[in-house]
PDB file of N, CA and C in Angstrom:
ATOM      1  N   MET A   1      58.395 126.005 111.779  1.00  0.00           N
ATOM      2  CA  MET A   1      57.892 125.189 110.807  1.00  0.00           C
ATOM      3  C   MET A   1      58.940 125.170 109.738  1.00  0.00           C
ATOM      4  N   ILE A   2      59.005 124.052 109.049  1.00  0.00           N
ATOM      5  CA  ILE A   2      60.001 123.920 107.963  1.00  0.00           C
ATOM      6  C   ILE A   2      59.424 124.458 106.723  1.00  0.00           C
ATOM      7  N   SER A   3      60.013 125.299 105.923  1.00  0.00           N
ATOM      8  CA  SER A   3      59.639 126.061 104.573  1.00  0.00           C
ATOM      9  C   SER A   3      59.673 125.059 103.522  1.00  0.00           C
ATOM     10  N   ARG A   4      59.158 125.481 102.676  1.00  0.00           N
ATOM     11  CA  ARG A   4      59.088 124.549 101.432  1.00  0.00           C
ATOM     12  C   ARG A   4      60.634 124.466 100.636  1.00  0.00           C
ATOM     13  N   ASP A   5      61.101 125.790 100.784  1.00  0.00           N
ATOM     14  CA  ASP A   5      62.438 125.976 100.190  1.00  0.00           C
ATOM     15  C   ASP A   5      63.465 124.871 100.950  1.00  0.00           C
ATOM     16  N   TYR A   6      63.542 124.798 102.228  1.00  0.00           N
ATOM     17  CA  TYR A   6      64.263 123.878 102.896  1.00  0.00           C
ATOM     18  C   TYR A   6      64.196 122.671 102.516  1.00  0.00           C
ATOM     19  N   LEU A   7      62.751 122.212 102.455  1.00  0.00           N
ATOM     20  CA  LEU A   7      62.645 120.790 101.617  1.00  0.00           C
ATOM     21  C   LEU A   7      63.058 120.516 100.395  1.00  0.00           C
ATOM     22  N   LEU A   8      63.004 121.750  99.599  1.00  0.00           N
ATOM     23  CA  LEU A   8      63.517 121.511  98.146  1.00  0.00           C
ATOM     24  C   LEU A   8      65.012 121.423  98.144  1.00  0.00           C
ATOM     25  N   LEU A   9      65.597 122.113  99.080  1.00  0.00           N
ATOM     26  CA  LEU A   9      67.086 122.290  99.250  1.00  0.00           C
ATOM     27  C   LEU A   9      67.708 120.755  99.750  1.00  0.00           C
ATOM     28  N   ILE A  10      66.912 120.151 100.780  1.00  0.00           N
ATOM     29  CA  ILE A  10      67.335 118.942 101.223  1.00  0.00           C
ATOM     30  C   ILE A  10      67.258 117.901 100.296  1.00  0.00           C
ATOM     31  N   ALA A  11      66.023 117.903  99.409  1.00  0.00           N
ATOM     32  CA  ALA A  11      65.892 117.032  98.440  1.00  0.00           C
ATOM     33  C   ALA A  11      66.873 117.113  97.248  1.00  0.00           C
ATOM     34  N   GLY A  12      67.195 118.413  96.875  1.00  0.00           N
ATOM     35  CA  GLY A  12      68.281 118.494  95.786  1.00  0.00           C
ATOM     36  C   GLY A  12      69.554 117.969  96.405  1.00  0.00           C
ATOM     37  N   MET A  13      69.990 118.244  97.721  1.00  0.00           N
ATOM     38  CA  MET A  13      71.137 117.585  98.261  1.00  0.00           C
ATOM     39  C   MET A  13      71.169 116.231  98.389  1.00  0.00           C
ATOM     40  N   ALA A  14      69.979 115.638  98.696  1.00  0.00           N
ATOM     41  CA  ALA A  14      70.057 114.192  98.633  1.00  0.00           C
ATOM     42  C   ALA A  14      70.313 113.365  97.361  1.00  0.00           C
ATOM     43  N   LEU A  15      69.514 114.311  96.275  1.00  0.00           N
ATOM     44  CA  LEU A  15      69.606 113.752  94.932  1.00  0.00           C
ATOM     45  C   LEU A  15      71.150 113.948  94.406  1.00  0.00           C
ATOM     46  N   ALA A  16      71.717 115.152  94.666  1.00  0.00           N
ATOM     47  CA  ALA A  16      73.202 115.240  94.309  1.00  0.00           C
ATOM     48  C   ALA A  16      74.092 114.356  94.943  1.00  0.00           C
ATOM     49  N   THR A  17      73.753 113.922  96.157  1.00  0.00           N
ATOM     50  CA  THR A  17      74.539 112.834  97.118  1.00  0.00           C
ATOM     51  C   THR A  17      74.194 111.330  96.517  1.00  0.00           C
ATOM     52  N   TYR A  18      73.120 111.002  96.298  1.00  0.00           N
ATOM     53  CA  TYR A  18      72.749 109.596  95.926  1.00  0.00           C
ATOM     54  C   TYR A  18      72.834 109.264  94.635  1.00  0.00           C
ATOM     55  N   LEU A  19      72.457 110.066  93.573  1.00  0.00           N
ATOM     56  CA  LEU A  19      72.451 109.798  92.192  1.00  0.00           C
ATOM     57  C   LEU A  19      73.865 109.542  91.664  1.00  0.00           C
ATOM     58  N   PRO A  20      74.924 109.871  91.864  1.00  0.00           N
ATOM     59  CA  PRO A  20      76.066 109.566  91.286  1.00  0.00           C
ATOM     60  C   PRO A  20      76.797 107.998  92.075  1.00  0.00           C
ATOM     61  N   ARG A  21      76.089 107.621  93.294  1.00  0.00           N
ATOM     62  CA  ARG A  21      76.548 106.371  93.612  1.00  0.00           C
ATOM     63  C   ARG A  21      75.333 105.496  93.198  1.00  0.00           C
ATOM     64  N   LEU A  22      74.326 105.689  92.830  1.00  0.00           N
ATOM     65  CA  LEU A  22      73.147 104.690  92.453  1.00  0.00           C
ATOM     66  C   LEU A  22      73.360 104.425  91.130  1.00  0.00           C
ATOM     67  N   ALA A  23      73.856 105.661  90.104  1.00  0.00           N
ATOM     68  CA  ALA A  23      73.945 105.022  88.751  1.00  0.00           C
ATOM     69  C   ALA A  23      74.889 104.105  88.266  1.00  0.00           C
ATOM     70  N   PRO A  24      76.155 104.087  89.049  1.00  0.00           N
ATOM     71  CA  PRO A  24      76.952 103.009  88.220  1.00  0.00           C
ATOM     72  C   PRO A  24      76.489 101.746  88.936  1.00  0.00           C
ATOM     73  N   LEU A  25      75.614 101.606  89.887  1.00  0.00           N
ATOM     74  CA  LEU A  25      75.096 100.423  90.583  1.00  0.00           C
ATOM     75  C   LEU A  25      74.016  99.952  89.673  1.00  0.00           C
ATOM     76  N   LEU A  26      73.163 100.679  89.465  1.00  0.00           N
ATOM     77  CA  LEU A  26      72.164 100.158  88.552  1.00  0.00           C
ATOM     78  C   LEU A  26      72.526 100.065  87.099  1.00  0.00           C
ATOM     79  N   LEU A  27      73.732 100.540  86.379  1.00  0.00           N
ATOM     80  CA  LEU A  27      73.787 100.515  85.129  1.00  0.00           C
ATOM     81  C   LEU A  27      74.950  99.559  84.956  1.00  0.00           C
ATOM     82  N   LEU A  28      75.663  98.989  86.013  1.00  0.00           N
ATOM     83  CA  LEU A  28      76.851  97.985  85.933  1.00  0.00           C
ATOM     84  C   LEU A  28      76.504  96.688  86.479  1.00  0.00           C
ATOM     85  N   SER A  29      75.302  96.705  87.457  1.00  0.00           N
ATOM     86  CA  SER A  29      75.163  95.591  87.888  1.00  0.00           C
ATOM     87  C   SER A  29      74.732  94.530  87.091  1.00  0.00           C
ATOM     88  N   GLY A  30      74.968  93.304  87.273  1.00  0.00           N
ATOM     89  CA  GLY A  30      74.854  92.010  86.115  1.00  0.00           C
ATOM     90  C   GLY A  30      75.820  92.037  85.120  1.00  0.00           C
ATOM     91  N   ARG A  31      76.841  93.048  84.992  1.00  0.00           N
ATOM     92  CA  ARG A  31      77.712  93.099  83.779  1.00  0.00           C
ATOM     93  C   ARG A  31      78.996  92.604  84.285  1.00  0.00           C
ATOM     94  N   GLN A  32      79.568  92.031  83.431  1.00  0.00           N
ATOM     95  CA  GLN A  32      81.101  91.547  83.669  1.00  0.00           C
ATOM     96  C   GLN A  32      81.854  92.913  83.130  1.00  0.00           C
ATOM     97  N   LEU A  33      82.831  93.408  84.118  1.00  0.00           N
ATOM     98  CA  LEU A  33      83.710  94.492  83.609  1.00  0.00           C
ATOM     99  C   LEU A  33      85.049  93.908  83.210  1.00  0.00           C
ATOM    100  N   PRO A  34      85.656  94.775  82.311  1.00  0.00           N
ATOM    101  CA  PRO A  34      86.880  94.298  81.501  1.00  0.00           C
ATOM    102  C   PRO A  34      87.841  94.129  82.764  1.00  0.00           C
ATOM    103  N   ALA A  35      88.805  93.277  82.808  1.00  0.00           N
ATOM    104  CA  ALA A  35      89.777  93.110  83.809  1.00  0.00           C
ATOM    105  C   ALA A  35      90.634  94.394  84.032  1.00  0.00           C
ATOM    106  N   TRP A  36      90.917  94.966  83.018  1.00  0.00           N
ATOM    107  CA  TRP A  36      91.905  96.537  83.324  1.00  0.00           C
ATOM    108  C   TRP A  36      91.173  97.385  84.091  1.00  0.00           C
ATOM    109  N   LEU A  37      89.772  97.394  83.839  1.00  0.00           N
ATOM    110  CA  LEU A  37      88.756  98.247  84.676  1.00  0.00           C
ATOM    111  C   LEU A  37      88.875  97.818  86.189  1.00  0.00           C
ATOM    112  N   ARG A  38      88.714  96.682  86.164  1.00  0.00           N
ATOM    113  CA  ARG A  38      88.582  96.138  87.643  1.00  0.00           C
ATOM    114  C   ARG A  38      90.134  96.330  88.369  1.00  0.00           C
ATOM    115  N   GLU A  39      90.957  96.198  87.826  1.00  0.00           N
ATOM    116  CA  GLU A  39      92.432  96.599  88.184  1.00  0.00           C
ATOM    117  C   GLU A  39      92.504  98.070  88.663  1.00  0.00           C
ATOM    118  N   TRP A  40      92.028  98.781  87.603  1.00  0.00           N
ATOM    119  CA  TRP A  40      92.077 100.133  87.848  1.00  0.00           C
ATOM    120  C   TRP A  40      91.326 100.516  88.904  1.00  0.00           C
ATOM    121  N   LEU A  41      89.941 100.150  89.084  1.00  0.00           N
ATOM    122  CA  LEU A  41      89.039 100.582  90.351  1.00  0.00           C
ATOM    123  C   LEU A  41      89.762  99.913  91.679  1.00  0.00           C
ATOM    124  N   ASP A  42      90.598  98.910  91.666  1.00  0.00           N
ATOM    125  CA  ASP A  42      91.187  98.631  92.930  1.00  0.00           C
ATOM    126  C   ASP A  42      92.205  99.536  93.452  1.00  0.00           C
ATOM    127  N   LEU A  43      92.661 100.194  92.650  1.00  0.00           N
ATOM    128  CA  LEU A  43      93.558 101.499  93.091  1.00  0.00           C
ATOM    129  C   LEU A  43      93.218 102.757  93.423  1.00  0.00           C
ATOM    130  N   VAL A  44      91.797 102.924  93.264  1.00  0.00           N
ATOM    131  CA  VAL A  44      91.136 104.213  93.481  1.00  0.00           C
ATOM    132  C   VAL A  44      91.175 104.443  95.139  1.00  0.00           C
ATOM    133  N   PRO A  45      90.891 103.398  95.797  1.00  0.00           N
ATOM    134  CA  PRO A  45      90.963 103.666  97.517  1.00  0.00           C
ATOM    135  C   PRO A  45      92.498 104.226  97.847  1.00  0.00           C
ATOM    136  N   ALA A  46      93.523 103.401  97.406  1.00  0.00           N
ATOM    137  CA  ALA A  46      94.746 103.979  97.717  1.00  0.00           C
ATOM    138  C   ALA A  46      95.000 105.314  97.349  1.00  0.00           C
ATOM    139  N   ALA A  47      94.593 105.895  96.079  1.00  0.00           N
ATOM    140  CA  ALA A  47      94.892 106.936  95.582  1.00  0.00           C
ATOM    141  C   ALA A  47      94.196 108.102  96.447  1.00  0.00           C
ATOM    142  N   ILE A  48      92.892 107.860  96.743  1.00  0.00           N
ATOM    143  CA  ILE A  48      92.342 108.808  97.590  1.00  0.00           C
ATOM    144  C   ILE A  48      92.962 108.909  98.875  1.00  0.00           C
ATOM    145  N   LEU A  49      93.224 107.752  99.519  1.00  0.00           N
ATOM    146  CA  LEU A  49      93.944 108.130 100.706  1.00  0.00           C
ATOM    147  C   LEU A  49      95.225 108.581 100.625  1.00  0.00           C
ATOM    148  N   GLY A  50      95.991 108.324  99.538  1.00  0.00           N
ATOM    149  CA  GLY A  50      97.168 109.480  99.404  1.00  0.00           C
ATOM    150  C   GLY A  50      96.978 110.759  99.208  1.00  0.00           C
ATOM    151  N   ALA A  51      95.992 111.099  98.487  1.00  0.00           N
ATOM    152  CA  ALA A  51      95.616 112.542  98.475  1.00  0.00           C
ATOM    153  C   ALA A  51      95.136 113.106  99.693  1.00  0.00           C
ATOM    154  N   LEU A  52      94.709 112.212 100.365  1.00  0.00           N
ATOM    155  CA  LEU A  52      94.223 113.016 101.680  1.00  0.00           C
ATOM    156  C   LEU A  52      95.239 113.079 102.576  1.00  0.00           C
ATOM    157  N   VAL A  53      96.254 112.390 102.947  1.00  0.00           N
ATOM    158  CA  VAL A  53      97.337 112.025 103.779  1.00  0.00           C
ATOM    159  C   VAL A  53      98.429 113.095 103.287  1.00  0.00           C
ATOM    160  N   ALA A  54      98.944 112.877 102.188  1.00  0.00           N
ATOM    161  CA  ALA A  54     100.036 113.545 101.695  1.00  0.00           C
ATOM    162  C   ALA A  54     100.219 114.796 102.201  1.00  0.00           C
ATOM    163  N   PRO A  55      99.201 115.821 101.857  1.00  0.00           N
ATOM    164  CA  PRO A  55      99.316 117.064 102.297  1.00  0.00           C
ATOM    165  C   PRO A  55      99.680 117.331 103.746  1.00  0.00           C
ATOM    166  N   ALA A  56      98.993 116.556 104.500  1.00  0.00           N
ATOM    167  CA  ALA A  56      99.305 116.566 106.142  1.00  0.00           C
ATOM    168  C   ALA A  56     100.753 116.016 106.477  1.00  0.00           C
ATOM    169  N   ILE A  57     101.238 115.160 105.630  1.00  0.00           N
ATOM    170  CA  ILE A  57     102.547 114.619 105.997  1.00  0.00           C
ATOM    171  C   ILE A  57     103.551 115.722 105.482  1.00  0.00           C
ATOM    172  N   PHE A  58     103.408 116.100 104.358  1.00  0.00           N
ATOM    173  CA  PHE A  58     104.731 116.876 103.889  1.00  0.00           C
ATOM    174  C   PHE A  58     104.685 118.460 103.893  1.00  0.00           C
ATOM    175  N   ALA A  59     103.295 119.173 104.103  1.00  0.00           N
ATOM    176  CA  ALA A  59     103.483 120.438 104.003  1.00  0.00           C
ATOM    177  C   ALA A  59     102.892 121.174 105.504  1.00  0.00           C
ATOM    178  N   ALA A  60     103.265 122.348 105.651  1.00  0.00           N
ATOM    179  CA  ALA A  60     102.857 122.837 107.035  1.00  0.00           C
ATOM    180  C   ALA A  60     101.473 123.672 106.623  1.00  0.00           C
ATOM    181  N   ALA A  61     100.742 123.909 107.822  1.00  0.00           N
ATOM    182  CA  ALA A  61      99.523 124.671 107.466  1.00  0.00           C
ATOM    183  C   ALA A  61      99.959 126.062 107.236  1.00  0.00           C
ATOM    184  N   GLY A  62      98.929 126.753 106.822  1.00  0.00           N
ATOM    185  CA  GLY A  62      98.946 128.357 106.429  1.00  0.00           C
ATOM    186  C   GLY A  62      99.401 128.284 105.027  1.00  0.00           C
ATOM    187  N   PRO A  63     100.532 129.017 104.583  1.00  0.00           N
ATOM    188  CA  PRO A  63     100.913 128.777 103.067  1.00  0.00           C
ATOM    189  C   PRO A  63     101.714 127.669 103.163  1.00  0.00           C
ATOM    190  N   ARG A  64     101.201 126.750 102.136  1.00  0.00           N
ATOM    191  CA  ARG A  64     101.853 125.549 101.878  1.00  0.00           C
ATOM    192  C   ARG A  64     103.118 125.663 101.605  1.00  0.00           C
ATOM    193  N   ARG A  65     104.129 124.943 102.405  1.00  0.00           N
ATOM    194  CA  ARG A  65     105.806 124.932 102.087  1.00  0.00           C
ATOM    195  C   ARG A  65     106.032 123.452 102.759  1.00  0.00           C
ATOM    196  N   LEU A  66     107.067 122.915 101.833  1.00  0.00           N
ATOM    197  CA  LEU A  66     107.333 121.495 102.225  1.00  0.00           C
ATOM    198  C   LEU A  66     108.472 121.744 103.220  1.00  0.00           C
ATOM    199  N   GLU A  67     108.133 120.787 104.315  1.00  0.00           N
ATOM    200  CA  GLU A  67     109.002 120.531 105.549  1.00  0.00           C
ATOM    201  C   GLU A  67     109.060 119.279 105.757  1.00  0.00           C
ATOM    202  N   LEU A  68     110.428 118.662 105.762  1.00  0.00           N
ATOM    203  CA  LEU A  68     110.616 117.266 106.014  1.00  0.00           C
ATOM    204  C   LEU A  68     111.030 117.145 107.239  1.00  0.00           C
ATOM    205  N   LEU A  69     111.274 118.007 108.056  1.00  0.00           N
ATOM    206  CA  LEU A  69     111.559 117.501 109.656  1.00  0.00           C
ATOM    207  C   LEU A  69     110.336 117.930 110.454  1.00  0.00           C
ATOM    208  N   ARG A  70     109.017 117.676 110.063  1.00  0.00           N
ATOM    209  CA  ARG A  70     107.940 117.542 110.628  1.00  0.00           C
ATOM    210  C   ARG A  70     107.800 116.276 111.432  1.00  0.00           C
ATOM    211  N   PRO A  71     107.201 115.946 112.416  1.00  0.00           N
ATOM    212  CA  PRO A  71     107.075 114.817 113.228  1.00  0.00           C
ATOM    213  C   PRO A  71     105.990 113.930 112.235  1.00  0.00           C
ATOM    214  N   GLU A  72     105.033 114.540 111.645  1.00  0.00           N
ATOM    215  CA  GLU A  72     104.215 113.578 110.687  1.00  0.00           C
ATOM    216  C   GLU A  72     104.975 113.031 109.697  1.00  0.00           C
ATOM    217  N   PHE A  73     105.894 113.678 109.205  1.00  0.00           N
ATOM    218  CA  PHE A  73     106.899 112.922 108.124  1.00  0.00           C
ATOM    219  C   PHE A  73     107.978 112.035 108.679  1.00  0.00           C
ATOM    220  N   LEU A  74     108.551 112.412 109.843  1.00  0.00           N
ATOM    221  CA  LEU A  74     109.388 111.546 110.406  1.00  0.00           C
ATOM    222  C   LEU A  74     108.788 110.210 110.885  1.00  0.00           C
ATOM    223  N   ALA A  75     107.635 110.238 111.307  1.00  0.00           N
ATOM    224  CA  ALA A  75     106.829 108.919 111.792  1.00  0.00           C
ATOM    225  C   ALA A  75     106.408 108.325 110.558  1.00  0.00           C
ATOM    226  N   ALA A  76     106.128 108.940 109.487  1.00  0.00           N
ATOM    227  CA  ALA A  76     105.464 108.208 108.247  1.00  0.00           C
ATOM    228  C   ALA A  76     106.470 107.301 107.473  1.00  0.00           C
ATOM    229  N   VAL A  77     107.717 107.783 107.483  1.00  0.00           N
ATOM    230  CA  VAL A  77     108.756 107.037 106.600  1.00  0.00           C
ATOM    231  C   VAL A  77     108.974 105.495 107.256  1.00  0.00           C
ATOM    232  N   PRO A  78     109.388 105.279 108.283  1.00  0.00           N
ATOM    233  CA  PRO A  78     109.377 104.203 108.886  1.00  0.00           C
ATOM    234  C   PRO A  78     108.126 103.315 109.084  1.00  0.00           C
ATOM    235  N   THR A  79     106.923 104.216 109.138  1.00  0.00           N
ATOM    236  CA  THR A  79     105.841 103.524 109.251  1.00  0.00           C
ATOM    237  C   THR A  79     105.376 102.847 108.073  1.00  0.00           C
ATOM    238  N   PHE A  80     105.689 103.453 106.817  1.00  0.00           N
ATOM    239  CA  PHE A  80     105.392 102.889 105.539  1.00  0.00           C
ATOM    240  C   PHE A  80     106.477 101.787 105.541  1.00  0.00           C
ATOM    241  N   ALA A  81     107.648 101.947 106.056  1.00  0.00           N
ATOM    242  CA  ALA A  81     108.341 100.536 105.744  1.00  0.00           C
ATOM    243  C   ALA A  81     107.950  99.393 106.667  1.00  0.00           C
ATOM    244  N   VAL A  82     107.216  99.548 107.620  1.00  0.00           N
ATOM    245  CA  VAL A  82     106.850  98.488 108.468  1.00  0.00           C
ATOM    246  C   VAL A  82     105.428  98.040 107.643  1.00  0.00           C
ATOM    247  N   ALA A  83     105.005  98.776 107.313  1.00  0.00           N
ATOM    248  CA  ALA A  83     103.515  98.398 106.370  1.00  0.00           C
ATOM    249  C   ALA A  83     104.135  97.499 105.405  1.00  0.00           C
ATOM    250  N   LEU A  84     104.953  97.929 104.310  1.00  0.00           N
ATOM    251  CA  LEU A  84     105.703  97.088 103.314  1.00  0.00           C
ATOM    252  C   LEU A  84     106.167  95.908 103.763  1.00  0.00           C
ATOM    253  N   LYS A  85     106.817  95.789 104.895  1.00  0.00           N
ATOM    254  CA  LYS A  85     107.440  94.684 105.364  1.00  0.00           C
ATOM    255  C   LYS A  85     106.504  93.673 106.019  1.00  0.00           C
ATOM    256  N   THR A  86     105.515  94.109 106.833  1.00  0.00           N
ATOM    257  CA  THR A  86     104.576  93.122 107.560  1.00  0.00           C
ATOM    258  C   THR A  86     103.428  92.767 106.950  1.00  0.00           C
ATOM    259  N   ARG A  87     102.719  93.799 106.459  1.00  0.00           N
ATOM    260  CA  ARG A  87     101.448  93.796 105.721  1.00  0.00           C
ATOM    261  C   ARG A  87     100.324  93.628 106.840  1.00  0.00           C
ATOM    262  N   SER A  88     100.790  94.225 107.721  1.00  0.00           N
ATOM    263  CA  SER A  88      99.891  94.240 109.189  1.00  0.00           C
ATOM    264  C   SER A  88      99.149  95.470 109.421  1.00  0.00           C
ATOM    265  N   LEU A  89      97.932  95.514 109.288  1.00  0.00           N
ATOM    266  CA  LEU A  89      97.305  96.856 109.555  1.00  0.00           C
ATOM    267  C   LEU A  89      97.400  97.239 110.993  1.00  0.00           C
ATOM    268  N   GLY A  90      97.119  96.251 111.868  1.00  0.00           N
ATOM    269  CA  GLY A  90      97.296  96.591 113.603  1.00  0.00           C
ATOM    270  C   GLY A  90      98.786  97.035 113.689  1.00  0.00           C
ATOM    271  N   GLY A  91      99.703  96.219 113.309  1.00  0.00           N
ATOM    272  CA  GLY A  91     101.187  96.749 113.423  1.00  0.00           C
ATOM    273  C   GLY A  91     101.523  97.977 112.865  1.00  0.00           C
ATOM    274  N   THR A  92     101.137  98.259 111.807  1.00  0.00           N
ATOM    275  CA  THR A  92     101.372  99.439 111.271  1.00  0.00           C
ATOM    276  C   THR A  92     100.634 100.783 111.984  1.00  0.00           C
ATOM    277  N   VAL A  93      99.562 100.381 112.401  1.00  0.00           N
ATOM    278  CA  VAL A  93      98.550 101.786 113.370  1.00  0.00           C
ATOM    279  C   VAL A  93      99.674 101.852 114.485  1.00  0.00           C
ATOM    280  N   VAL A  94     100.025 100.692 115.199  1.00  0.00           N
ATOM    281  CA  VAL A  94     100.431 100.842 116.398  1.00  0.00           C
ATOM    282  C   VAL A  94     102.129 101.479 116.213  1.00  0.00           C
ATOM    283  N   THR A  95     102.760 101.024 115.158  1.00  0.00           N
ATOM    284  CA  THR A  95     103.866 101.789 115.020  1.00  0.00           C
ATOM    285  C   THR A  95     103.899 103.055 114.471  1.00  0.00           C
ATOM    286  N   GLY A  96     102.978 103.576 113.758  1.00  0.00           N
ATOM    287  CA  GLY A  96     102.753 104.901 113.366  1.00  0.00           C
ATOM    288  C   GLY A  96     102.436 105.737 114.647  1.00  0.00           C
ATOM    289  N   MET A  97     101.460 105.262 115.498  1.00  0.00           N
ATOM    290  CA  MET A  97     100.947 106.010 116.852  1.00  0.00           C
ATOM    291  C   MET A  97     102.460 106.208 117.679  1.00  0.00           C
ATOM    292  N   LEU A  98     103.127 105.087 117.871  1.00  0.00           N
ATOM    293  CA  LEU A  98     104.218 104.978 118.589  1.00  0.00           C
ATOM    294  C   LEU A  98     105.272 106.175 118.031  1.00  0.00           C
ATOM    295  N   LEU A  99     105.612 106.151 116.837  1.00  0.00           N
ATOM    296  CA  LEU A  99     106.721 106.829 116.031  1.00  0.00           C
ATOM    297  C   LEU A  99     106.173 108.512 115.967  1.00  0.00           C
ATOM    298  N   TYR A 100     104.992 108.585 116.060  1.00  0.00           N
ATOM    299  CA  TYR A 100     104.487 109.914 116.117  1.00  0.00           C
ATOM    300  C   TYR A 100     104.653 110.448 117.192  1.00  0.00           C
ATOM    301  N   TRP A 101     104.125 109.646 118.280  1.00  0.00           N
ATOM    302  CA  TRP A 101     104.245 110.225 119.872  1.00  0.00           C
ATOM    303  C   TRP A 101     105.737 110.463 119.967  1.00  0.00           C
ATOM    304  N   LEU A 102     106.741 109.756 119.637  1.00  0.00           N
ATOM    305  CA  LEU A 102     108.094 109.868 119.743  1.00  0.00           C
ATOM    306  C   LEU A 102     108.901 110.938 119.149  1.00  0.00           C
ATOM    307  N   ALA A 103     108.387 111.298 117.896  1.00  0.00           N
ATOM    308  CA  ALA A 103     108.698 112.231 117.157  1.00  0.00           C
ATOM    309  C   ALA A 103     108.284 113.663 117.601  1.00  0.00           C
ATOM    310  N   GLY A 104     107.046 113.779 118.143  1.00  0.00           N
ATOM    311  CA  GLY A 104     106.287 115.055 118.962  1.00  0.00           C
ATOM    312  C   GLY A 104     107.184 115.239 120.170  1.00  0.00           C
ATOM    313  N   LYS A 105     107.791 114.161 120.832  1.00  0.00           N
ATOM    314  CA  LYS A 105     108.772 114.481 122.047  1.00  0.00           C
ATOM    315  C   LYS A 105     110.032 115.143 121.892  1.00  0.00           C
ATOM    316  N   PHE A 106     110.558 114.799 120.727  1.00  0.00           N
ATOM    317  CA  PHE A 106     111.861 115.321 120.399  1.00  0.00           C
ATOM    318  C   PHE A 106     112.067 116.227 119.193  1.00  0.00           C
ATOM    319  N   PHE A 107     111.007 116.691 118.750  1.00  0.00           N
ATOM    320  CA  PHE A 107     110.920 117.529 117.417  1.00  0.00           C
ATOM    321  C   PHE A 107     109.995 118.775 117.822  1.00  0.00           C
TER     322      PHE A 107
END
């Protein structure tokens, strides 16, 4: 049987998860945001992705240290160039997977 404490814990976690998502939706719906804010918000997903991916590309596990001859980094540089040149998500993903596989074979 589920105790009252667990139900309160789940309710608190749900509130902590959904309130930060719901508040901007309720407060900003129907309002026109300034152009600078819309442009700034467009950059948030790329910044989050960069923050998640950069440590995996540039640093080794354990005590963090910079290693540029890692397969992840060797595959990321040309993959980034392909992404900039082609602007194709599918081509970039296939290129990255192929280069990562090749880098793992040789390094």
